[in-house]
Amino acid sequence: MDDLIVVAGAGGFIGGHLVADLLRSGHGRIRGVDIKPFDEWFQRSPEIDSRRLDLRGRDACLEAVAGARQVYNLASDMGGMGFIETHKAECMLSVLINTHMLVAARDAGVERYFYSSSACVYAADKQTTTDVTPLREEDAYPAMPEDGYGWEKLFSERMCRHFREDFGLETRVSRYHNVYGPHGTFEGGREKAPAAMCRKVIAATLAGADEIEIWGDGQQTRSFMYIDDCLYGTRALMASTVREPLNIGSDELVTINELLDIVEDIAGVTLRRRYNPNAPLGVRGRSSDNTRIRQTLGWAPSIRLRDGMEHTYRWIHQQMTMPAGQRRVYA
């Protein structure tokens, strides 16, 4: 419990929750690293060694991992579909982070290294219908990932594999499927569908409006994983002997219209829907096949979407109704 654990991307949504979870578990030495100013970190933990570093540079990575036994690399430049479809080059530059972090971890004698990949690595031709077949880990090849962000993630997965094979650095790779929850981005362009849907419904109710915009036709399908399941799966994978990339995601498939139904039920309202077919859409359908995670970890994400969205909605509502001088910007 006294080994130094480094969380790269600690100022972000998942990273902030991971730091808090490690602290609750009794880990006494944690270093959190992020490029954002400290007052923009989603969660701040005064007990840890917090550092503001740009991990796209090798010297910063060497400083970040010095003395560490385990590294969780969650750092990347990303957001929801509205961001990754319009910032492909910026997303791909995150390859510098994982490249330099792997080299630094190898040189520092790190024992175990976790890399957060994404379901965006999966071949696009397997995600063209709403009635999608859940994606298995082997469906990433032949390669045809999401342009920009997906290619960076797939390339970085291979780097992790080869650093393990060539240098003996034990690496673990997760493929996250649409993680959501409180203490994350819900406005500004980087938010994902669950947070965006909560924000739109709350904004409409506060303004007395009866209509919201939906990207696409509302029939596109997704699965969404609550942050608590993400944390459990991440730490279980890190502690396991599973060396190949592993899905960590819910297999509860819903349409975007059904996601809105859930938020409307939580809010106690019914709104008219104005569909925007010209908005960024991503793939037509995507869900996680959890066969392998059940076989290898004896567990799979199970928190119901309705339950997770209740917590998420309440937190976003609290943020949006705070007095202007007290409200933080989550972007």
C-alpha atoms as a PDB file:
ATOM      1  CA  MET A   1       0.000   0.000   0.000  1.00  0.00           C
ATOM      2  CA  ASP A   2       3.011   2.304   0.271  1.00  0.00           C
ATOM      3  CA  ASP A   3       4.163   1.841  -3.328  1.00  0.00           C
ATOM      4  CA  LEU A   4       3.976   4.987  -5.447  1.00  0.00           C
ATOM      5  CA  ILE A   5       1.095   4.927  -7.941  1.00  0.00           C
ATOM      6  CA  VAL A   6       0.976   7.487 -10.746  1.00  0.00           C
ATOM      7  CA  VAL A   7      -2.312   8.534 -12.352  1.00  0.00           C
ATOM      8  CA  ALA A   8      -1.753  10.416 -15.602  1.00  0.00           C
ATOM      9  CA  GLY A   9      -4.812  12.469 -16.470  1.00  0.00           C
ATOM     10  CA  ALA A  10      -5.700  12.869 -12.792  1.00  0.00           C
ATOM     11  CA  GLY A  11      -7.407  16.165 -13.490  1.00  0.00           C
ATOM     12  CA  GLY A  12      -9.864  14.524 -15.854  1.00  0.00           C
ATOM     13  CA  PHE A  13     -13.159  12.766 -15.269  1.00  0.00           C
ATOM     14  CA  ILE A  14     -12.036   9.133 -14.940  1.00  0.00           C
ATOM     15  CA  GLY A  15      -8.636  10.065 -13.516  1.00  0.00           C
ATOM     16  CA  GLY A  16     -10.140  12.143 -10.724  1.00  0.00           C
ATOM     17  CA  HIS A  17     -12.484   9.321  -9.750  1.00  0.00           C
ATOM     18  CA  LEU A  18      -9.615   6.810  -9.877  1.00  0.00           C
ATOM     19  CA  VAL A  19      -7.473   8.880  -7.515  1.00  0.00           C
ATOM     20  CA  ALA A  20     -10.368   9.134  -5.072  1.00  0.00           C
ATOM     21  CA  ASP A  21     -10.973   5.377  -5.300  1.00  0.00           C
ATOM     22  CA  LEU A  22      -7.314   4.565  -4.646  1.00  0.00           C
ATOM     23  CA  LEU A  23      -7.350   6.848  -1.608  1.00  0.00           C
ATOM     24  CA  ARG A  24     -10.494   5.173  -0.255  1.00  0.00           C
ATOM     25  CA  SER A  25      -8.729   1.817  -0.638  1.00  0.00           C
ATOM     26  CA  GLY A  26      -5.887   2.970   1.622  1.00  0.00           C
ATOM     27  CA  HIS A  27      -3.138   3.784  -0.876  1.00  0.00           C
ATOM     28  CA  GLY A  28      -0.944   6.379   0.764  1.00  0.00           C
ATOM     29  CA  ARG A  29       1.384   7.417  -2.058  1.00  0.00           C
ATOM     30  CA  ILE A  30      -0.303   8.718  -5.190  1.00  0.00           C
ATOM     31  CA  ARG A  31       1.019  11.174  -7.733  1.00  0.00           C
ATOM     32  CA  GLY A  32      -1.572  12.830  -9.940  1.00  0.00           C
ATOM     33  CA  VAL A  33      -0.481  14.501 -13.174  1.00  0.00           C
ATOM     34  CA  ASP A  34      -2.423  16.611 -15.658  1.00  0.00           C
ATOM     35  CA  ILE A  35      -1.833  19.443 -18.120  1.00  0.00           C
ATOM     36  CA  LYS A  36      -4.754  21.507 -16.791  1.00  0.00           C
ATOM     37  CA  PRO A  37      -4.289  24.229 -14.150  1.00  0.00           C
ATOM     38  CA  PHE A  38      -5.094  22.864 -10.703  1.00  0.00           C
ATOM     39  CA  ASP A  39      -8.270  24.930 -10.386  1.00  0.00           C
ATOM     40  CA  GLU A  40      -9.614  23.187 -13.518  1.00  0.00           C
ATOM     41  CA  TRP A  41      -9.145  19.627 -12.229  1.00  0.00           C
ATOM     42  CA  PHE A  42     -12.514  17.929 -11.892  1.00  0.00           C
ATOM     43  CA  GLN A  43     -11.578  16.598  -8.458  1.00  0.00           C
ATOM     44  CA  ARG A  44      -8.704  17.724  -6.231  1.00  0.00           C
ATOM     45  CA  SER A  45      -7.266  15.541  -3.472  1.00  0.00           C
ATOM     46  CA  PRO A  46      -4.890  17.454  -1.171  1.00  0.00           C
ATOM     47  CA  GLU A  47      -3.427  14.179   0.134  1.00  0.00           C
ATOM     48  CA  ILE A  48      -1.676  13.369  -3.143  1.00  0.00           C
ATOM     49  CA  ASP A  49       1.369  14.714  -4.956  1.00  0.00           C
ATOM     50  CA  SER A  50      -0.328  16.807  -7.667  1.00  0.00           C
ATOM     51  CA  ARG A  51       1.750  18.028 -10.578  1.00  0.00           C
ATOM     52  CA  ARG A  52       0.920  20.080 -13.622  1.00  0.00           C
ATOM     53  CA  LEU A  53       2.881  18.575 -16.515  1.00  0.00           C
ATOM     54  CA  ASP A  54       2.508  18.397 -20.285  1.00  0.00           C
ATOM     55  CA  LEU A  55       2.986  14.682 -20.904  1.00  0.00           C
ATOM     56  CA  ARG A  56       3.452  15.173 -24.617  1.00  0.00           C
ATOM     57  CA  GLY A  57       7.093  15.862 -23.713  1.00  0.00           C
ATOM     58  CA  ARG A  58       9.521  13.156 -22.622  1.00  0.00           C
ATOM     59  CA  ASP A  59      11.094  15.138 -19.760  1.00  0.00           C
ATOM     60  CA  ALA A  60       7.673  15.673 -18.217  1.00  0.00           C
ATOM     61  CA  CYS A  61       6.982  11.940 -18.442  1.00  0.00           C
ATOM     62  CA  LEU A  62      10.286  11.112 -16.764  1.00  0.00           C
ATOM     63  CA  GLU A  63       9.361  13.436 -13.905  1.00  0.00           C
ATOM     64  CA  ALA A  64       5.859  12.001 -13.715  1.00  0.00           C
ATOM     65  CA  VAL A  65       6.891   8.353 -13.287  1.00  0.00           C
ATOM     66  CA  ALA A  66      10.064   8.743 -11.223  1.00  0.00           C
ATOM     67  CA  GLY A  67       9.971   6.237  -8.358  1.00  0.00           C
ATOM     68  CA  ALA A  68       6.630   4.757  -9.402  1.00  0.00           C
ATOM     69  CA  ARG A  69       5.760   1.086  -9.204  1.00  0.00           C
ATOM     70  CA  GLN A  70       2.446   1.329 -11.073  1.00  0.00           C
ATOM     71  CA  VAL A  71       1.252   3.792 -13.709  1.00  0.00           C
ATOM     72  CA  TYR A  72      -2.318   4.379 -14.878  1.00  0.00           C
ATOM     73  CA  ASN A  73      -2.168   6.314 -18.138  1.00  0.00           C
ATOM     74  CA  LEU A  74      -5.547   7.961 -18.674  1.00  0.00           C
ATOM     75  CA  ALA A  75      -4.173  11.138 -20.239  1.00  0.00           C
ATOM     76  CA  SER A  76      -5.350  12.131 -23.713  1.00  0.00           C
ATOM     77  CA  ASP A  77      -6.914  14.993 -25.641  1.00  0.00           C
ATOM     78  CA  MET A  78     -10.468  13.825 -26.236  1.00  0.00           C
ATOM     79  CA  GLY A  79     -14.158  14.427 -25.706  1.00  0.00           C
ATOM     80  CA  GLY A  80     -17.518  13.360 -27.041  1.00  0.00           C
ATOM     81  CA  MET A  81     -18.377  12.861 -30.706  1.00  0.00           C
ATOM     82  CA  GLY A  82     -18.757  16.585 -31.234  1.00  0.00           C
ATOM     83  CA  PHE A  83     -15.087  17.002 -30.334  1.00  0.00           C
ATOM     84  CA  ILE A  84     -13.342  13.967 -31.802  1.00  0.00           C
ATOM     85  CA  GLU A  85     -14.984  14.339 -35.215  1.00  0.00           C
ATOM     86  CA  THR A  86     -13.758  17.929 -35.520  1.00  0.00           C
ATOM     87  CA  HIS A  87     -10.343  17.669 -33.823  1.00  0.00           C
ATOM     88  CA  LYS A  88      -8.791  14.596 -35.427  1.00  0.00           C
ATOM     89  CA  ALA A  89      -5.218  15.900 -35.516  1.00  0.00           C
ATOM     90  CA  GLU A  90      -5.346  17.050 -31.889  1.00  0.00           C
ATOM     91  CA  CYS A  91      -6.645  13.644 -30.826  1.00  0.00           C
ATOM     92  CA  MET A  92      -3.855  11.879 -32.724  1.00  0.00           C
ATOM     93  CA  LEU A  93      -1.199  14.016 -31.031  1.00  0.00           C
ATOM     94  CA  SER A  94      -2.040  12.123 -27.829  1.00  0.00           C
ATOM     95  CA  VAL A  95       0.186   9.389 -29.271  1.00  0.00           C
ATOM     96  CA  LEU A  96       3.071  11.480 -27.926  1.00  0.00           C
ATOM     97  CA  ILE A  97       1.768  10.965 -24.397  1.00  0.00           C
ATOM     98  CA  ASN A  98       1.673   7.185 -24.496  1.00  0.00           C
ATOM     99  CA  THR A  99       4.944   6.971 -26.437  1.00  0.00           C
ATOM    100  CA  HIS A 100       6.904   9.023 -23.926  1.00  0.00           C
ATOM    101  CA  MET A 101       5.101   7.527 -20.920  1.00  0.00           C
ATOM    102  CA  LEU A 102       6.006   3.999 -22.031  1.00  0.00           C
ATOM    103  CA  VAL A 103       9.649   4.940 -22.558  1.00  0.00           C
ATOM    104  CA  ALA A 104       9.778   6.716 -19.205  1.00  0.00           C
ATOM    105  CA  ALA A 105       8.074   3.809 -17.412  1.00  0.00           C
ATOM    106  CA  ARG A 106      10.512   1.346 -18.944  1.00  0.00           C
ATOM    107  CA  ASP A 107      13.519   3.455 -17.965  1.00  0.00           C
ATOM    108  CA  ALA A 108      12.192   4.048 -14.431  1.00  0.00           C
ATOM    109  CA  GLY A 109      11.645   0.341 -13.765  1.00  0.00           C
ATOM    110  CA  VAL A 110       7.867   0.600 -13.443  1.00  0.00           C
ATOM    111  CA  GLU A 111       6.405  -2.853 -12.757  1.00  0.00           C
ATOM    112  CA  ARG A 112       2.946  -2.448 -14.252  1.00  0.00           C
ATOM    113  CA  TYR A 113       1.456   0.030 -16.729  1.00  0.00           C
ATOM    114  CA  PHE A 114      -2.245   0.554 -17.524  1.00  0.00           C
ATOM    115  CA  TYR A 115      -3.413   2.181 -20.755  1.00  0.00           C
ATOM    116  CA  SER A 116      -6.969   3.381 -21.291  1.00  0.00           C
ATOM    117  CA  SER A 117      -7.997   2.643 -24.856  1.00  0.00           C
ATOM    118  CA  SER A 118     -11.465   3.010 -26.328  1.00  0.00           C
ATOM    119  CA  ALA A 119     -14.246   1.243 -28.189  1.00  0.00           C
ATOM    120  CA  CYS A 120     -13.408   3.699 -30.988  1.00  0.00           C
ATOM    121  CA  VAL A 121     -10.696   1.219 -32.060  1.00  0.00           C
ATOM    122  CA  TYR A 122     -13.318  -1.151 -33.461  1.00  0.00           C
ATOM    123  CA  ALA A 123     -13.767  -1.599 -37.200  1.00  0.00           C
ATOM    124  CA  ALA A 124     -16.348   0.785 -38.612  1.00  0.00           C
ATOM    125  CA  ASP A 125     -17.894  -1.845 -40.905  1.00  0.00           C
ATOM    126  CA  LYS A 126     -19.048  -3.765 -37.821  1.00  0.00           C
ATOM    127  CA  GLN A 127     -21.015  -0.743 -36.532  1.00  0.00           C
ATOM    128  CA  THR A 128     -23.182   0.266 -39.476  1.00  0.00           C
ATOM    129  CA  THR A 129     -26.615  -0.762 -38.145  1.00  0.00           C
ATOM    130  CA  THR A 130     -28.595   0.091 -35.025  1.00  0.00           C
ATOM    131  CA  ASP A 131     -29.182  -3.613 -34.372  1.00  0.00           C
ATOM    132  CA  VAL A 132     -25.480  -4.039 -33.788  1.00  0.00           C
ATOM    133  CA  THR A 133     -23.789  -7.300 -32.838  1.00  0.00           C
ATOM    134  CA  PRO A 134     -21.877  -6.661 -29.578  1.00  0.00           C
ATOM    135  CA  LEU A 135     -18.217  -6.011 -30.303  1.00  0.00           C
ATOM    136  CA  ARG A 136     -15.706  -8.696 -29.345  1.00  0.00           C
ATOM    137  CA  GLU A 137     -12.087  -7.865 -28.661  1.00  0.00           C
ATOM    138  CA  GLU A 138     -10.985  -9.562 -31.886  1.00  0.00           C
ATOM    139  CA  ASP A 139     -13.264  -7.260 -33.913  1.00  0.00           C
ATOM    140  CA  ALA A 140     -10.612  -4.523 -33.865  1.00  0.00           C
ATOM    141  CA  TYR A 141      -8.915  -6.258 -36.792  1.00  0.00           C
ATOM    142  CA  PRO A 142      -8.754  -5.950 -39.781  1.00  0.00           C
ATOM    143  CA  ALA A 143      -8.214  -2.362 -38.653  1.00  0.00           C
ATOM    144  CA  MET A 144     -10.729   0.332 -39.590  1.00  0.00           C
ATOM    145  CA  PRO A 145     -11.084   2.392 -36.385  1.00  0.00           C
ATOM    146  CA  GLU A 146     -12.672   5.787 -35.789  1.00  0.00           C
ATOM    147  CA  ASP A 147     -10.693   8.291 -37.836  1.00  0.00           C
ATOM    148  CA  GLY A 148      -8.191  10.262 -35.774  1.00  0.00           C
ATOM    149  CA  TYR A 149      -8.950   9.320 -32.170  1.00  0.00           C
ATOM    150  CA  GLY A 150      -9.526   5.617 -32.878  1.00  0.00           C
ATOM    151  CA  TRP A 151      -6.313   5.254 -34.886  1.00  0.00           C
ATOM    152  CA  GLU A 152      -4.292   6.827 -32.085  1.00  0.00           C
ATOM    153  CA  LYS A 153      -5.795   4.453 -29.548  1.00  0.00           C
ATOM    154  CA  LEU A 154      -5.208   1.368 -31.692  1.00  0.00           C
ATOM    155  CA  PHE A 155      -1.601   2.334 -32.392  1.00  0.00           C
ATOM    156  CA  SER A 156      -0.972   2.965 -28.687  1.00  0.00           C
ATOM    157  CA  GLU A 157      -2.428  -0.443 -27.831  1.00  0.00           C
ATOM    158  CA  ARG A 158       0.176  -2.036 -30.106  1.00  0.00           C
ATOM    159  CA  MET A 159       2.935  -0.019 -28.477  1.00  0.00           C
ATOM    160  CA  CYS A 160       1.891  -1.371 -25.084  1.00  0.00           C
ATOM    161  CA  ARG A 161       2.012  -4.912 -26.454  1.00  0.00           C
ATOM    162  CA  HIS A 162       5.471  -4.514 -27.939  1.00  0.00           C
ATOM    163  CA  PHE A 163       6.914  -2.825 -24.835  1.00  0.00           C
ATOM    164  CA  ARG A 164       5.747  -5.870 -22.909  1.00  0.00           C
ATOM    165  CA  GLU A 165       7.195  -8.299 -25.447  1.00  0.00           C
ATOM    166  CA  ASP A 166      10.472  -6.473 -26.070  1.00  0.00           C
ATOM    167  CA  PHE A 167      11.232  -4.850 -22.719  1.00  0.00           C
ATOM    168  CA  GLY A 168       9.283  -6.862 -20.144  1.00  0.00           C
ATOM    169  CA  LEU A 169       7.091  -3.960 -19.028  1.00  0.00           C
ATOM    170  CA  GLU A 170       3.838  -5.541 -17.864  1.00  0.00           C
ATOM    171  CA  THR A 171       1.072  -3.642 -19.638  1.00  0.00           C
ATOM    172  CA  ARG A 172      -2.702  -3.807 -19.280  1.00  0.00           C
ATOM    173  CA  VAL A 173      -5.073  -2.308 -21.855  1.00  0.00           C
ATOM    174  CA  SER A 174      -8.772  -1.572 -21.421  1.00  0.00           C
ATOM    175  CA  ARG A 175     -11.233  -0.593 -24.128  1.00  0.00           C
ATOM    176  CA  TYR A 176     -13.683   1.720 -22.396  1.00  0.00           C
ATOM    177  CA  HIS A 177     -17.224   1.994 -23.745  1.00  0.00           C
ATOM    178  CA  ASN A 178     -18.821   5.418 -23.102  1.00  0.00           C
ATOM    179  CA  VAL A 179     -18.065   6.116 -19.446  1.00  0.00           C
ATOM    180  CA  TYR A 180     -20.370   8.593 -17.707  1.00  0.00           C
ATOM    181  CA  GLY A 181     -21.168   9.890 -14.231  1.00  0.00           C
ATOM    182  CA  PRO A 182     -20.888  12.958 -11.980  1.00  0.00           C
ATOM    183  CA  HIS A 183     -17.794  15.174 -11.742  1.00  0.00           C
ATOM    184  CA  GLY A 184     -17.288  15.293 -15.492  1.00  0.00           C
ATOM    185  CA  THR A 185     -17.758  17.527 -18.512  1.00  0.00           C
ATOM    186  CA  PHE A 186     -21.363  18.413 -19.332  1.00  0.00           C
ATOM    187  CA  GLU A 187     -20.938  21.529 -21.454  1.00  0.00           C
ATOM    188  CA  GLY A 188     -18.446  23.257 -23.711  1.00  0.00           C
ATOM    189  CA  GLY A 189     -18.249  20.764 -26.587  1.00  0.00           C
ATOM    190  CA  ARG A 190     -16.315  17.850 -25.068  1.00  0.00           C
ATOM    191  CA  GLU A 191     -19.228  16.273 -23.194  1.00  0.00           C
ATOM    192  CA  LYS A 192     -20.586  12.844 -24.103  1.00  0.00           C
ATOM    193  CA  ALA A 193     -24.196  11.895 -24.779  1.00  0.00           C
ATOM    194  CA  PRO A 194     -25.387  11.100 -21.213  1.00  0.00           C
ATOM    195  CA  ALA A 195     -24.101  14.389 -19.787  1.00  0.00           C
ATOM    196  CA  ALA A 196     -25.237  16.365 -22.829  1.00  0.00           C
ATOM    197  CA  MET A 197     -28.723  14.887 -22.568  1.00  0.00           C
ATOM    198  CA  CYS A 198     -28.954  15.794 -18.884  1.00  0.00           C
ATOM    199  CA  ARG A 199     -27.764  19.340 -19.577  1.00  0.00           C
ATOM    200  CA  LYS A 200     -30.237  19.860 -22.415  1.00  0.00           C
ATOM    201  CA  VAL A 201     -33.204  18.658 -20.366  1.00  0.00           C
ATOM    202  CA  ILE A 202     -32.194  20.716 -17.326  1.00  0.00           C
ATOM    203  CA  ALA A 203     -31.614  23.833 -19.432  1.00  0.00           C
ATOM    204  CA  ALA A 204     -34.994  23.428 -21.098  1.00  0.00           C
ATOM    205  CA  THR A 205     -36.837  22.998 -17.805  1.00  0.00           C
ATOM    206  CA  LEU A 206     -35.054  25.953 -16.195  1.00  0.00           C
ATOM    207  CA  ALA A 207     -35.897  28.140 -19.204  1.00  0.00           C
ATOM    208  CA  GLY A 208     -39.488  26.919 -19.457  1.00  0.00           C
ATOM    209  CA  ALA A 209     -38.842  25.548 -22.958  1.00  0.00           C
ATOM    210  CA  ASP A 210     -40.669  22.535 -24.377  1.00  0.00           C
ATOM    211  CA  GLU A 211     -38.176  21.386 -27.044  1.00  0.00           C
ATOM    212  CA  ILE A 212     -34.593  20.126 -27.253  1.00  0.00           C
ATOM    213  CA  GLU A 213     -32.279  19.224 -30.111  1.00  0.00           C
ATOM    214  CA  ILE A 214     -31.225  15.623 -30.702  1.00  0.00           C
ATOM    215  CA  TRP A 215     -28.232  14.807 -32.883  1.00  0.00           C
ATOM    216  CA  GLY A 216     -29.152  12.410 -35.679  1.00  0.00           C
ATOM    217  CA  ASP A 217     -32.496  10.642 -35.831  1.00  0.00           C
ATOM    218  CA  GLY A 218     -32.374   9.337 -32.272  1.00  0.00           C
ATOM    219  CA  GLN A 219     -32.300   5.721 -33.433  1.00  0.00           C
ATOM    220  CA  GLN A 220     -28.519   5.283 -33.186  1.00  0.00           C
ATOM    221  CA  THR A 221     -27.643   2.781 -30.457  1.00  0.00           C
ATOM    222  CA  ARG A 222     -25.022   2.801 -27.713  1.00  0.00           C
ATOM    223  CA  SER A 223     -24.166   1.244 -24.365  1.00  0.00           C
ATOM    224  CA  PHE A 224     -23.095   3.502 -21.491  1.00  0.00           C
ATOM    225  CA  MET A 225     -21.026   2.475 -18.446  1.00  0.00           C
ATOM    226  CA  TYR A 226     -21.323   4.197 -15.063  1.00  0.00           C
ATOM    227  CA  ILE A 227     -18.079   5.399 -13.510  1.00  0.00           C
ATOM    228  CA  ASP A 228     -18.205   2.997 -10.530  1.00  0.00           C
ATOM    229  CA  ASP A 229     -18.192  -0.005 -12.885  1.00  0.00           C
ATOM    230  CA  CYS A 230     -15.337   1.591 -14.807  1.00  0.00           C
ATOM    231  CA  LEU A 231     -13.234   1.971 -11.657  1.00  0.00           C
ATOM    232  CA  TYR A 232     -13.809  -1.599 -10.507  1.00  0.00           C
ATOM    233  CA  GLY A 233     -13.010  -3.026 -13.925  1.00  0.00           C
ATOM    234  CA  THR A 234      -9.914  -0.866 -14.306  1.00  0.00           C
ATOM    235  CA  ARG A 235      -8.374  -1.909 -11.019  1.00  0.00           C
ATOM    236  CA  ALA A 236      -9.349  -5.548 -11.484  1.00  0.00           C
ATOM    237  CA  LEU A 237      -7.694  -5.593 -14.904  1.00  0.00           C
ATOM    238  CA  MET A 238      -4.566  -3.897 -13.545  1.00  0.00           C
ATOM    239  CA  ALA A 239      -4.234  -6.595 -10.869  1.00  0.00           C
ATOM    240  CA  SER A 240      -4.967  -9.471 -13.255  1.00  0.00           C
ATOM    241  CA  THR A 241      -2.859 -11.620 -15.562  1.00  0.00           C
ATOM    242  CA  VAL A 242      -4.853 -10.484 -18.631  1.00  0.00           C
ATOM    243  CA  ARG A 243      -2.347  -9.150 -21.134  1.00  0.00           C
ATOM    244  CA  GLU A 244      -4.530  -8.594 -24.203  1.00  0.00           C
ATOM    245  CA  PRO A 245      -6.895  -5.601 -24.620  1.00  0.00           C
ATOM    246  CA  LEU A 246     -10.157  -6.120 -22.745  1.00  0.00           C
ATOM    247  CA  ASN A 247     -13.592  -4.541 -23.138  1.00  0.00           C
ATOM    248  CA  ILE A 248     -14.739  -2.649 -20.059  1.00  0.00           C
ATOM    249  CA  GLY A 249     -18.241  -1.525 -20.890  1.00  0.00           C
ATOM    250  CA  SER A 250     -21.910  -2.144 -20.312  1.00  0.00           C
ATOM    251  CA  ASP A 251     -23.872  -4.450 -22.609  1.00  0.00           C
ATOM    252  CA  GLU A 252     -27.181  -2.637 -21.903  1.00  0.00           C
ATOM    253  CA  LEU A 253     -27.971  -1.337 -25.400  1.00  0.00           C
ATOM    254  CA  VAL A 254     -30.263   1.676 -25.825  1.00  0.00           C
ATOM    255  CA  THR A 255     -31.153   4.123 -28.572  1.00  0.00           C
ATOM    256  CA  ILE A 256     -30.461   7.825 -28.072  1.00  0.00           C
ATOM    257  CA  ASN A 257     -34.229   8.307 -27.938  1.00  0.00           C
ATOM    258  CA  GLU A 258     -34.413   5.779 -25.110  1.00  0.00           C
ATOM    259  CA  LEU A 259     -31.606   7.581 -23.297  1.00  0.00           C
ATOM    260  CA  LEU A 260     -33.690  10.759 -23.481  1.00  0.00           C
ATOM    261  CA  ASP A 261     -36.727   8.826 -22.234  1.00  0.00           C
ATOM    262  CA  ILE A 262     -34.736   7.942 -19.117  1.00  0.00           C
ATOM    263  CA  VAL A 263     -33.650  11.537 -18.499  1.00  0.00           C
ATOM    264  CA  GLU A 264     -37.188  12.831 -19.033  1.00  0.00           C
ATOM    265  CA  ASP A 265     -38.483  10.293 -16.517  1.00  0.00           C
ATOM    266  CA  ILE A 266     -35.891  11.394 -13.954  1.00  0.00           C
ATOM    267  CA  ALA A 267     -36.754  15.055 -14.545  1.00  0.00           C
ATOM    268  CA  GLY A 268     -40.515  14.458 -14.647  1.00  0.00           C
ATOM    269  CA  VAL A 269     -40.965  16.204 -17.997  1.00  0.00           C
ATOM    270  CA  THR A 270     -41.774  15.387 -21.613  1.00  0.00           C
ATOM    271  CA  LEU A 271     -40.159  17.493 -24.325  1.00  0.00           C
ATOM    272  CA  ARG A 272     -40.565  17.770 -28.063  1.00  0.00           C
ATOM    273  CA  ARG A 273     -37.579  16.512 -30.026  1.00  0.00           C
ATOM    274  CA  ARG A 274     -35.997  18.414 -32.878  1.00  0.00           C
ATOM    275  CA  TYR A 275     -33.663  16.129 -34.798  1.00  0.00           C
ATOM    276  CA  ASN A 276     -30.462  17.435 -36.396  1.00  0.00           C
ATOM    277  CA  PRO A 277     -29.179  15.033 -39.077  1.00  0.00           C
ATOM    278  CA  ASN A 278     -26.179  17.262 -39.819  1.00  0.00           C
ATOM    279  CA  ALA A 279     -24.649  17.010 -36.344  1.00  0.00           C
ATOM    280  CA  PRO A 280     -21.653  14.717 -35.625  1.00  0.00           C
ATOM    281  CA  LEU A 281     -23.041  11.189 -35.290  1.00  0.00           C
ATOM    282  CA  GLY A 282     -20.257   8.621 -35.044  1.00  0.00           C
ATOM    283  CA  VAL A 283     -21.087   5.005 -35.817  1.00  0.00           C
ATOM    284  CA  ARG A 284     -24.679   3.814 -36.193  1.00  0.00           C
ATOM    285  CA  GLY A 285     -24.548   1.288 -33.369  1.00  0.00           C
ATOM    286  CA  ARG A 286     -22.062   0.097 -30.740  1.00  0.00           C
ATOM    287  CA  SER A 287     -22.220  -2.227 -27.739  1.00  0.00           C
ATOM    288  CA  SER A 288     -19.784  -4.279 -25.682  1.00  0.00           C
ATOM    289  CA  ASP A 289     -19.481  -8.056 -25.841  1.00  0.00           C
ATOM    290  CA  ASN A 290     -18.608  -8.984 -22.251  1.00  0.00           C
ATOM    291  CA  THR A 291     -17.875 -12.671 -22.761  1.00  0.00           C
ATOM    292  CA  ARG A 292     -14.132 -12.309 -22.269  1.00  0.00           C
ATOM    293  CA  ILE A 293     -14.279 -10.062 -19.210  1.00  0.00           C
ATOM    294  CA  ARG A 294     -16.604 -12.538 -17.506  1.00  0.00           C
ATOM    295  CA  GLN A 295     -14.268 -15.399 -18.379  1.00  0.00           C
ATOM    296  CA  THR A 296     -11.084 -13.660 -17.249  1.00  0.00           C
ATOM    297  CA  LEU A 297     -12.170 -11.426 -14.352  1.00  0.00           C
ATOM    298  CA  GLY A 298     -15.325 -13.282 -13.290  1.00  0.00           C
ATOM    299  CA  TRP A 299     -17.191  -9.975 -13.449  1.00  0.00           C
ATOM    300  CA  ALA A 300     -18.782  -7.519 -15.881  1.00  0.00           C
ATOM    301  CA  PRO A 301     -20.296  -4.014 -15.542  1.00  0.00           C
ATOM    302  CA  SER A 302     -23.814  -4.306 -14.175  1.00  0.00           C
ATOM    303  CA  ILE A 303     -24.994  -0.903 -12.886  1.00  0.00           C
ATOM    304  CA  ARG A 304     -28.296  -0.127 -14.611  1.00  0.00           C
ATOM    305  CA  LEU A 305     -28.317   2.871 -16.912  1.00  0.00           C
ATOM    306  CA  ARG A 306     -31.381   4.285 -15.126  1.00  0.00           C
ATOM    307  CA  ASP A 307     -29.583   4.193 -11.768  1.00  0.00           C
ATOM    308  CA  GLY A 308     -26.383   5.750 -13.057  1.00  0.00           C
ATOM    309  CA  MET A 309     -28.243   8.458 -14.940  1.00  0.00           C
ATOM    310  CA  GLU A 310     -30.149   9.375 -11.783  1.00  0.00           C
ATOM    311  CA  HIS A 311     -26.870  10.175  -9.988  1.00  0.00           C
ATOM    312  CA  THR A 312     -25.494  11.970 -13.030  1.00  0.00           C
ATOM    313  CA  TYR A 313     -28.615  14.079 -13.559  1.00  0.00           C
ATOM    314  CA  ARG A 314     -28.794  15.152  -9.905  1.00  0.00           C
ATOM    315  CA  TRP A 315     -25.141  16.261  -9.912  1.00  0.00           C
ATOM    316  CA  ILE A 316     -25.436  18.213 -13.189  1.00  0.00           C
ATOM    317  CA  HIS A 317     -28.656  19.825 -11.956  1.00  0.00           C
ATOM    318  CA  GLN A 318     -26.846  20.922  -8.806  1.00  0.00           C
ATOM    319  CA  GLN A 319     -24.035  22.450 -10.869  1.00  0.00           C
ATOM    320  CA  MET A 320     -26.379  24.269 -13.244  1.00  0.00           C
ATOM    321  CA  THR A 321     -28.483  25.790 -10.458  1.00  0.00           C
ATOM    322  CA  MET A 322     -25.586  27.049  -8.341  1.00  0.00           C
ATOM    323  CA  PRO A 323     -25.176  30.815  -7.957  1.00  0.00           C
ATOM    324  CA  ALA A 324     -22.977  32.136 -10.756  1.00  0.00           C
ATOM    325  CA  GLY A 325     -20.095  32.993  -8.439  1.00  0.00           C
ATOM    326  CA  GLN A 326     -19.916  29.479  -6.989  1.00  0.00           C
ATOM    327  CA  ARG A 327     -20.238  27.414 -10.147  1.00  0.00           C
ATOM    328  CA  ARG A 328     -17.152  25.803 -11.656  1.00  0.00           C
ATOM    329  CA  VAL A 329     -16.675  25.330 -15.379  1.00  0.00           C
ATOM    330  CA  TYR A 330     -16.345  21.660 -16.372  1.00  0.00           C
ATOM    331  CA  ALA A 331     -14.997  21.644 -19.909  1.00  0.00           C
END
